């Protein structure tokens, strides 16, 4: 992977080569590979994963409809009179985009093109401006409906069922994508509040990084804000409301969102041949990437188990001093470090299926574990050198902004996300409270 070979083919190809070597030397149980056809067929017919292309489609349509542009212009116009008004606007619009599109790349690129030149022109330091945009873009990882949570929910559901069987418990209970969506709402809002508090702290204690004063705008009126805000807000309410009230599964709600995004695009008169072709191609490309990585990761996990890797890990975690605390801490540190070199999709499909059943057998709440992993994975978009949000922004930023300034700008936001992880570890109720209120979960 480090020399640039495709991740999905690396996972599958390397695993099969090692399986062949293991069979030749008699150290690999080849019967595990017999499960490959049923595993791959199960991926293709998985009802939960149908939500992936639907949410991707919804996000790409909204991106192409210039919803973000209208929101940012209206919000910055209303808040522009305050010193950090434009920065606050970027965070709030990013939160709304996260709850409607969930595509990190689209949010970062859109914000980079629309707001970064204005922020620099008004006197924001390059590091603060780029850090705010990158961090805001990653909110799509944790605020539902998030593609990352859809993938993580599917993996955790399988891991939970496996842990139950390994413990001799035959129960129909499982963890669903909807459970993760509900569990992520409070942490997502807390993260937004932390971002806003950080901008306030910078304006208070390091005023050289923000404009000396705000700037009035001709767009500063409530009517323009409501006109820009209402369409995506109604779409968010329709999608999340259907899930939270139990009226629809995440997959069905994703279909509602896809249809709703097309309706909004029609209202804005953005449906034409060029945009339709772009939407279909992007949706197909992203969906194909996700499923191909999932197939490669499935083969990898089968070979890993054939070599007895799971038993070795279980024994290793069981022998750790400190029990569950040390095990969770070690896993979180490993996931955080892997985020420097791997995308969240590879970590979700390769690492989580291996470690999640072991941690769940230790008695951890699956919703709590899922959101902890999701927030941890969110940092993978910000951590240099391979943070994807950094790449996205670098691609649309002028040469006057140095790469070191982008790296410097995201460090405080990485620390903020790690602080949120610590808070959720100390007070699990941050995650589990809302699911328990809505569903009566423990």
Protein backbone atom coordinates (compact mmCIF):
# COMPACT_ATOMS: atom_id res chain seq x y z
CA UNK A 1 0.00 0.00 0.00
CA UNK A 2 2.86 2.41 0.81
CA UNK A 3 4.23 2.19 -2.73
CA UNK A 4 0.82 3.10 -4.14
CA UNK A 5 -0.74 -0.24 -5.09
CA UNK A 6 -4.57 -0.26 -4.79
CA UNK A 7 -5.69 -1.09 -1.26
CA UNK A 8 -8.40 -3.61 -2.19
CA UNK A 9 -6.11 -5.62 -4.46
CA UNK A 10 -3.29 -5.45 -1.92
CA UNK A 11 -5.50 -6.86 0.83
CA UNK A 12 -6.85 -9.71 -1.27
CA UNK A 13 -3.68 -10.47 -3.25
CA UNK A 14 -1.25 -10.47 -0.32
CA UNK A 15 -3.63 -12.62 1.74
CA UNK A 16 -4.00 -15.23 -1.01
CA UNK A 17 -0.21 -15.37 -1.53
CA UNK A 18 0.32 -15.98 2.20
CA UNK A 19 -2.51 -18.52 2.23
CA UNK A 20 -0.77 -20.41 -0.62
CA UNK A 21 2.53 -20.36 1.27
CA UNK A 22 0.77 -21.50 4.44
CA UNK A 23 -0.95 -24.40 2.67
CA UNK A 24 2.37 -25.46 1.09
CA UNK A 25 4.09 -25.61 4.49
CA UNK A 26 1.04 -27.06 6.24
CA UNK A 27 0.53 -24.16 8.65
CA UNK A 28 -2.71 -22.77 7.19
CA UNK A 29 -6.22 -24.19 7.49
CA UNK A 30 -7.38 -24.00 3.87
CA UNK A 31 -11.01 -24.73 4.81
CA UNK A 32 -11.38 -21.06 5.75
CA UNK A 33 -11.06 -20.10 2.08
CA UNK A 34 -14.11 -22.25 1.27
CA UNK A 35 -16.23 -19.58 2.94
CA UNK A 36 -15.09 -16.95 0.40
CA UNK A 37 -17.99 -17.37 -2.12
CA UNK A 38 -20.69 -17.15 0.54
CA UNK A 39 -18.91 -14.21 2.18
CA UNK A 40 -18.73 -12.26 -1.09
CA UNK A 41 -22.34 -13.08 -1.96
CA UNK A 42 -23.36 -11.90 1.49
CA UNK A 43 -21.65 -8.55 0.88
CA UNK A 44 -23.45 -8.01 -2.41
CA UNK A 45 -26.92 -8.82 -1.03
CA UNK A 46 -26.42 -7.00 2.30
CA UNK A 47 -29.49 -4.79 2.83
CA UNK A 48 -27.68 -2.37 5.13
CA UNK A 49 -24.93 -1.62 2.62
CA UNK A 50 -27.51 -0.54 0.02
CA UNK A 51 -27.60 2.71 2.01
CA UNK A 52 -24.04 3.49 0.88
CA UNK A 53 -24.74 4.30 -2.81
CA UNK A 54 -27.98 6.06 -1.82
CA UNK A 55 -26.28 8.37 0.71
CA UNK A 56 -23.40 8.97 -1.71
CA UNK A 57 -25.91 9.85 -4.44
CA UNK A 58 -27.70 12.26 -2.10
CA UNK A 59 -24.45 13.96 -1.15
CA UNK A 60 -23.18 14.36 -4.70
CA UNK A 61 -26.53 15.78 -5.89
CA UNK A 62 -26.53 18.35 -3.06
CA UNK A 63 -22.91 19.24 -3.80
CA UNK A 64 -23.74 19.80 -7.47
CA UNK A 65 -26.83 21.84 -6.57
CA UNK A 66 -24.71 24.57 -4.91
CA UNK A 67 -26.67 24.24 -1.65
CA UNK A 68 -23.46 24.81 0.33
CA UNK A 69 -22.64 27.98 -1.57
CA UNK A 70 -26.03 29.54 -0.81
CA UNK A 71 -25.82 28.52 2.86
CA UNK A 72 -22.32 29.92 3.33
CA UNK A 73 -23.11 33.25 1.65
CA UNK A 74 -26.27 33.71 3.75
CA UNK A 75 -24.71 32.59 7.04
CA UNK A 76 -21.51 34.62 6.67
CA UNK A 77 -23.59 37.62 5.67
CA UNK A 78 -25.61 37.39 8.87
CA UNK A 79 -22.64 36.70 11.18
CA UNK A 80 -20.03 38.74 9.31
CA UNK A 81 -20.35 41.67 11.74
CA UNK A 82 -18.61 39.60 14.46
CA UNK A 83 -14.81 39.11 14.62
CA UNK A 84 -14.97 35.34 14.08
CA UNK A 85 -18.28 35.47 12.26
CA UNK A 86 -16.95 33.94 9.05
CA UNK A 87 -15.19 31.14 10.95
CA UNK A 88 -18.37 30.39 12.91
CA UNK A 89 -20.31 30.37 9.63
CA UNK A 90 -17.91 27.80 8.17
CA UNK A 91 -18.38 25.51 11.20
CA UNK A 92 -22.19 25.83 11.24
CA UNK A 93 -22.53 25.33 7.48
CA UNK A 94 -20.15 22.37 7.71
CA UNK A 95 -22.38 20.86 10.40
CA UNK A 96 -25.44 21.22 8.17
CA UNK A 97 -23.59 19.76 5.20
CA UNK A 98 -22.43 16.85 7.36
CA UNK A 99 -26.05 16.15 8.29
CA UNK A 100 -27.17 16.31 4.67
CA UNK A 101 -24.30 15.10 2.47
CA UNK A 102 -21.86 13.25 4.74
CA UNK A 103 -19.09 13.44 2.12
CA UNK A 104 -15.87 14.84 3.58
CA UNK A 105 -14.18 15.59 0.27
CA UNK A 106 -17.14 17.56 -1.08
CA UNK A 107 -17.40 19.68 2.09
CA UNK A 108 -13.67 20.46 2.32
CA UNK A 109 -13.35 21.34 -1.37
CA UNK A 110 -16.50 23.47 -1.35
CA UNK A 111 -15.44 25.37 1.78
CA UNK A 112 -11.90 25.71 0.48
CA UNK A 113 -13.07 27.28 -2.76
CA UNK A 114 -15.77 29.49 -1.28
CA UNK A 115 -14.57 30.62 2.12
CA UNK A 116 -10.76 30.26 2.30
CA UNK A 117 -9.93 33.20 -0.02
CA UNK A 118 -12.41 35.41 1.89
CA UNK A 119 -11.05 34.33 5.30
CA UNK A 120 -7.48 35.11 4.24
CA UNK A 121 -8.53 38.44 2.73
CA UNK A 122 -10.32 39.49 5.94
CA UNK A 123 -7.25 38.79 8.08
CA UNK A 124 -7.54 35.20 9.36
CA UNK A 125 -4.18 33.49 9.78
CA UNK A 126 -3.63 30.79 7.11
CA UNK A 127 -3.24 28.06 9.75
CA UNK A 128 -6.48 28.96 11.57
CA UNK A 129 -8.46 29.28 8.32
CA UNK A 130 -7.23 26.00 6.80
CA UNK A 131 -7.50 24.11 10.10
CA UNK A 132 -11.10 25.25 10.58
CA UNK A 133 -12.09 24.20 7.06
CA UNK A 134 -10.38 20.78 7.27
CA UNK A 135 -11.83 19.98 10.71
CA UNK A 136 -15.30 21.15 9.73
CA UNK A 137 -15.20 18.91 6.67
CA UNK A 138 -14.59 15.85 8.83
CA UNK A 139 -17.85 16.39 10.75
CA UNK A 140 -19.45 14.29 8.01
CA UNK A 141 -17.73 11.29 9.60
CA UNK A 142 -19.59 11.49 12.89
CA UNK A 143 -22.78 13.52 12.35
CA UNK A 144 -25.50 11.24 10.89
CA UNK A 145 -26.39 10.25 8.29
CA UNK A 146 -22.73 9.30 7.88
CA UNK A 147 -21.41 6.77 5.38
CA UNK A 148 -18.68 5.91 7.90
CA UNK A 149 -21.35 5.00 10.48
CA UNK A 150 -23.22 2.88 7.90
CA UNK A 151 -20.07 0.86 7.19
CA UNK A 152 -19.10 0.68 10.86
CA UNK A 153 -22.61 -0.35 11.86
CA UNK A 154 -22.59 -3.27 9.44
CA UNK A 155 -19.18 -4.46 10.64
CA UNK A 156 -20.10 -4.08 14.32
CA UNK A 157 -23.38 -5.94 13.80
CA UNK A 158 -21.47 -8.97 12.49
CA UNK A 159 -18.88 -8.63 15.26
CA UNK A 160 -21.59 -8.46 17.94
CA UNK A 161 -23.33 -11.57 16.63
CA UNK A 162 -20.00 -13.42 16.49
CA UNK A 163 -19.15 -12.38 20.07
CA UNK A 164 -22.57 -13.60 21.25
CA UNK A 165 -22.09 -17.00 19.57
CA UNK A 166 -18.55 -17.35 20.94
CA UNK A 167 -19.95 -16.79 24.45
CA UNK A 168 -22.68 -19.37 23.83
CA UNK A 169 -25.45 -16.77 23.78
CA UNK A 170 -28.12 -17.26 21.11
CA UNK A 171 -29.92 -13.93 20.98
CA UNK A 172 -31.65 -12.07 18.13
CA UNK A 173 -30.37 -8.76 19.56
CA UNK A 174 -27.91 -6.84 17.43
CA UNK A 175 -26.49 -3.37 16.91
CA UNK A 176 -27.91 -1.50 13.93
CA UNK A 177 -26.81 1.47 11.87
CA UNK A 178 -29.76 3.38 13.35
CA UNK A 179 -28.39 2.76 16.86
CA UNK A 180 -25.06 4.30 15.85
CA UNK A 181 -26.82 7.25 14.23
CA UNK A 182 -28.65 8.00 17.47
CA UNK A 183 -25.54 7.46 19.58
CA UNK A 184 -23.53 9.86 17.41
CA UNK A 185 -25.91 12.85 17.66
CA UNK A 186 -24.80 14.15 21.08
CA UNK A 187 -21.03 13.65 20.49
CA UNK A 188 -21.41 15.34 17.10
CA UNK A 189 -23.02 18.43 18.60
CA UNK A 190 -20.44 18.52 21.41
CA UNK A 191 -17.68 18.48 18.80
CA UNK A 192 -19.28 21.44 16.98
CA UNK A 193 -19.50 23.35 20.29
CA UNK A 194 -15.82 22.59 20.98
CA UNK A 195 -14.88 23.95 17.55
CA UNK A 196 -16.84 27.16 18.21
CA UNK A 197 -15.28 27.53 21.67
CA UNK A 198 -11.84 27.12 20.13
CA UNK A 199 -12.53 29.94 17.65
CA UNK A 200 -13.73 32.13 20.52
CA UNK A 201 -10.59 31.29 22.55
CA UNK A 202 -8.33 32.17 19.63
CA UNK A 203 -10.06 35.54 19.18
CA UNK A 204 -9.69 36.17 22.92
CA UNK A 205 -6.13 35.00 23.58
CA UNK A 206 -4.49 35.22 20.15
CA UNK A 207 -6.24 38.12 18.40
CA UNK A 208 -3.54 38.39 15.74
CA UNK A 209 -4.97 35.24 14.10
CA UNK A 210 -8.44 36.73 13.49
CA UNK A 211 -9.69 39.96 11.88
CA UNK A 212 -9.55 43.09 14.03
CA UNK A 213 -13.29 43.57 13.51
CA UNK A 214 -16.21 42.08 11.63
CA UNK A 215 -17.47 43.15 8.25
CA UNK A 216 -20.98 44.07 7.22
CA UNK A 217 -22.45 42.41 4.15
CA UNK A 218 -25.23 43.18 1.74
CA UNK A 219 -26.42 39.61 2.29
CA UNK A 220 -26.97 40.20 6.01
CA UNK A 221 -30.67 39.53 6.28
CA UNK A 222 -32.72 36.82 7.91
CA UNK A 223 -34.86 36.14 4.84
CA UNK A 224 -31.93 35.07 2.65
CA UNK A 225 -30.68 32.83 5.47
CA UNK A 226 -34.07 31.13 5.85
CA UNK A 227 -34.39 30.58 2.10
CA UNK A 228 -30.94 28.97 2.01
CA UNK A 229 -31.40 27.03 5.25
CA UNK A 230 -34.91 25.63 4.84
CA UNK A 231 -34.37 23.15 1.95
CA UNK A 232 -31.42 21.21 3.44
CA UNK A 233 -32.97 21.42 6.91
CA UNK A 234 -36.19 19.81 5.69
CA UNK A 235 -34.16 17.08 4.01
CA UNK A 236 -32.21 16.42 7.23
CA UNK A 237 -35.45 16.24 9.22
CA UNK A 238 -36.98 13.85 6.68
CA UNK A 239 -33.98 11.48 6.70
CA UNK A 240 -33.05 11.52 10.39
CA UNK A 241 -36.66 11.86 11.53
CA UNK A 242 -37.64 8.70 9.66
CA UNK A 243 -34.79 6.80 11.34
CA UNK A 244 -35.17 8.19 14.88
CA UNK A 245 -38.94 7.64 14.97
CA UNK A 246 -38.57 4.10 13.67
CA UNK A 247 -40.68 4.82 10.57
CA UNK A 248 -37.88 3.70 8.25
CA UNK A 249 -34.63 1.75 8.32
CA UNK A 250 -31.42 3.67 7.48
CA UNK A 251 -31.53 2.14 3.99
CA UNK A 252 -35.11 3.28 3.43
CA UNK A 253 -34.29 6.72 4.85
CA UNK A 254 -31.33 6.91 2.46
CA UNK A 255 -33.74 6.36 -0.42
CA UNK A 256 -35.93 9.18 0.93
CA UNK A 257 -32.83 11.39 1.08
CA UNK A 258 -31.82 10.52 -2.48
CA UNK A 259 -35.26 11.40 -3.83
CA UNK A 260 -35.35 14.55 -1.70
CA UNK A 261 -31.98 15.72 -3.02
CA UNK A 262 -33.21 15.33 -6.60
CA UNK A 263 -36.33 17.34 -5.71
CA UNK A 264 -34.17 20.15 -4.27
CA UNK A 265 -31.96 20.10 -7.35
CA UNK A 266 -35.05 20.43 -9.53
CA UNK A 267 -36.24 23.41 -7.49
CA UNK A 268 -32.85 25.09 -8.00
CA UNK A 269 -32.94 24.15 -11.72
CA UNK A 270 -29.64 22.26 -11.47
CA UNK A 271 -30.78 19.07 -13.22
CA UNK A 272 -29.22 18.84 -16.67
CA UNK A 273 -27.27 16.34 -18.75
CA UNK A 274 -23.83 17.39 -17.50
CA UNK A 275 -24.77 17.32 -13.81
CA UNK A 276 -26.63 14.01 -14.16
CA UNK A 277 -23.60 12.41 -15.80
CA UNK A 278 -21.32 13.75 -13.05
CA UNK A 279 -23.60 12.49 -10.25
CA UNK A 280 -23.92 8.99 -11.73
CA UNK A 281 -20.17 8.67 -12.34
CA UNK A 282 -19.17 9.90 -8.87
CA UNK A 283 -21.72 7.67 -7.14
CA UNK A 284 -20.59 4.63 -9.11
CA UNK A 285 -16.91 5.38 -8.50
CA UNK A 286 -17.21 5.87 -4.73
CA UNK A 287 -19.57 2.89 -4.27
CA UNK A 288 -17.31 0.61 -6.32
CA UNK A 289 -14.30 1.67 -4.26
CA UNK A 290 -16.08 0.91 -0.98
CA UNK A 291 -17.33 -2.53 -2.07
CA UNK A 292 -14.02 -3.56 -3.66
CA UNK A 293 -12.16 -2.70 -0.45
CA UNK A 294 -14.78 -4.62 1.54
CA UNK A 295 -14.27 -7.69 -0.65
CA UNK A 296 -10.48 -7.48 -0.27
CA UNK A 297 -10.80 -6.99 3.49
CA UNK A 298 -13.13 -10.02 3.76
CA UNK A 299 -10.54 -12.25 2.10
CA UNK A 300 -7.87 -10.77 4.39
CA UNK A 301 -9.92 -11.57 7.52
CA UNK A 302 -10.57 -15.15 6.39
CA UNK A 303 -6.85 -15.77 5.85
CA UNK A 304 -6.04 -14.06 9.15
CA UNK A 305 -8.39 -16.44 10.96
CA UNK A 306 -7.02 -19.42 9.03
CA UNK A 307 -3.59 -18.70 10.47
CA UNK A 308 -5.06 -18.59 13.99
CA UNK A 309 -4.68 -14.83 14.30
CA UNK A 310 -7.92 -14.37 16.24
CA UNK A 311 -6.92 -16.87 18.90
CA UNK A 312 -3.55 -15.16 19.30
CA UNK A 313 -5.20 -11.76 19.72
CA UNK A 314 -7.73 -13.10 22.22
CA UNK A 315 -4.94 -14.60 24.30
CA UNK A 316 -2.95 -11.37 24.04
CA UNK A 317 -5.83 -9.18 25.22
CA UNK A 318 -6.73 -11.63 28.00
CA UNK A 319 -3.18 -11.48 29.37
CA UNK A 320 -2.97 -7.68 29.34
CA UNK A 321 -2.65 -6.07 32.79
CA UNK A 322 -5.50 -3.71 33.54
CA UNK A 323 -8.17 -5.77 31.78
CA UNK A 324 -10.75 -3.98 29.65
CA UNK A 325 -9.31 -0.49 30.20
CA UNK A 326 -5.88 -1.43 28.86
CA UNK A 327 -7.40 -3.37 25.95
CA UNK A 328 -9.58 -0.42 24.86
CA UNK A 329 -6.71 2.05 25.33
CA UNK A 330 -4.38 -0.10 23.22
CA UNK A 331 -6.95 -0.52 20.44
CA UNK A 332 -7.69 3.22 20.36
CA UNK A 333 -3.99 4.08 20.18
CA UNK A 334 -3.43 1.57 17.36
CA UNK A 335 -6.43 2.90 15.38
CA UNK A 336 -5.21 6.48 15.90
CA UNK A 337 -1.71 5.59 14.65
CA UNK A 338 -3.08 3.65 11.68
CA UNK A 339 -5.04 6.77 10.77
CA UNK A 340 -1.73 8.43 9.82
CA UNK A 341 -1.27 6.01 6.91
CA UNK A 342 -4.66 4.38 6.19
CA UNK A 343 -8.11 5.60 5.19
CA UNK A 344 -11.09 5.03 7.53
CA UNK A 345 -12.55 2.48 5.09
CA UNK A 346 -9.50 0.20 5.29
CA UNK A 347 -9.38 0.48 9.09
CA UNK A 348 -13.12 -0.21 9.36
CA UNK A 349 -13.02 -3.30 7.15
CA UNK A 350 -9.63 -4.73 8.20
CA UNK A 351 -9.01 -3.83 11.86
CA UNK A 352 -12.51 -3.53 13.37
CA UNK A 353 -13.73 -7.05 12.38
CA UNK A 354 -10.65 -8.50 14.12
CA UNK A 355 -10.66 -6.53 17.37
CA UNK A 356 -14.39 -5.75 17.86
CA UNK A 357 -15.57 -9.30 18.74
CA UNK A 358 -12.80 -9.57 21.35
CA UNK A 359 -13.69 -6.25 22.98
CA UNK A 360 -17.44 -7.00 22.88
CA UNK A 361 -16.81 -10.34 24.62
CA UNK A 362 -15.29 -8.28 27.45
CA UNK A 363 -18.73 -6.75 28.04
CA UNK A 364 -18.42 -3.40 26.27
CA UNK A 365 -21.53 -1.64 24.96
CA UNK A 366 -21.49 -2.02 21.14
CA UNK A 367 -22.95 1.47 20.53
CA UNK A 368 -20.36 3.06 22.82
CA UNK A 369 -17.54 1.12 21.15
CA UNK A 370 -18.81 2.04 17.69
CA UNK A 371 -18.92 5.79 18.36
CA UNK A 372 -15.53 5.71 20.09
CA UNK A 373 -14.05 4.08 16.99
CA UNK A 374 -15.91 6.51 14.69
CA UNK A 375 -14.55 9.62 16.44
CA UNK A 376 -11.08 8.05 16.45
CA UNK A 377 -11.36 7.30 12.74
CA UNK A 378 -12.43 10.90 12.17
CA UNK A 379 -8.96 12.02 13.18
CA UNK A 380 -7.51 9.94 10.31
CA UNK A 381 -8.78 12.63 7.93
CA UNK A 382 -6.73 15.27 9.76
CA UNK A 383 -3.51 13.51 10.75
CA UNK A 384 -0.58 14.23 8.44
CA UNK A 385 1.00 13.08 6.21
CA UNK A 386 -1.91 11.13 4.62
CA UNK A 387 -4.95 12.91 6.06
CA UNK A 388 -7.42 13.05 3.19
CA UNK A 389 -8.93 16.37 4.29
CA UNK A 390 -5.43 17.87 4.02
CA UNK A 391 -5.08 16.53 0.48
CA UNK A 392 -8.50 17.84 -0.55
CA UNK A 393 -7.76 21.34 0.74
CA UNK A 394 -4.21 21.39 -0.64
CA UNK A 395 -5.65 20.66 -4.07
CA UNK A 396 -7.82 23.80 -4.11
CA UNK A 397 -5.52 26.15 -2.17
CA UNK A 398 -3.21 28.70 -3.79
CA UNK A 399 0.55 28.44 -3.44
CA UNK A 400 0.53 31.38 -1.01
CA UNK A 401 -0.67 28.96 1.67
CA UNK A 402 2.09 26.55 2.64
CA UNK A 403 1.51 22.88 3.41
CA UNK A 404 3.15 23.36 6.82
CA UNK A 405 0.51 25.97 7.66
CA UNK A 406 -2.26 23.49 6.86
CA UNK A 407 -0.59 20.84 9.05
CA UNK A 408 -0.13 23.36 11.87
CA UNK A 409 -3.75 24.48 11.60
CA UNK A 410 -5.28 21.01 12.11
CA UNK A 411 -3.24 20.11 15.23
CA UNK A 412 -5.56 21.95 17.70
CA UNK A 413 -8.60 20.25 16.14
CA UNK A 414 -6.94 16.83 16.44
CA UNK A 415 -6.38 17.59 20.14
CA UNK A 416 -10.05 18.63 20.46
CA UNK A 417 -11.19 15.30 18.98
CA UNK A 418 -8.87 13.37 21.32
CA UNK A 419 -10.32 15.34 24.26
CA UNK A 420 -13.81 14.28 23.14
CA UNK A 421 -12.63 10.66 23.10
CA UNK A 422 -11.39 11.02 26.68
CA UNK A 423 -14.69 12.59 27.78
CA UNK A 424 -16.71 9.77 26.17
CA UNK A 425 -14.47 7.20 27.85
CA UNK A 426 -14.99 8.83 31.27
CA UNK A 427 -18.72 9.46 30.76
CA UNK A 428 -20.13 6.77 28.41
CA UNK A 429 -23.58 8.33 28.89
CA UNK A 430 -22.59 10.99 26.35
CA UNK A 431 -23.10 8.24 23.78
CA UNK A 432 -25.60 5.88 25.40
CA UNK A 433 -28.03 8.40 26.92
CA UNK A 434 -30.00 9.27 23.77
CA UNK A 435 -30.35 5.63 22.55
CA UNK A 436 -31.59 4.67 26.03
CA UNK A 437 -34.19 7.48 25.97
CA UNK A 438 -35.45 6.65 22.46
CA UNK A 439 -35.19 2.88 22.47
CA UNK A 440 -34.88 1.94 26.12
CA UNK A 441 -31.44 0.46 25.44
CA UNK A 442 -29.05 -0.24 28.27
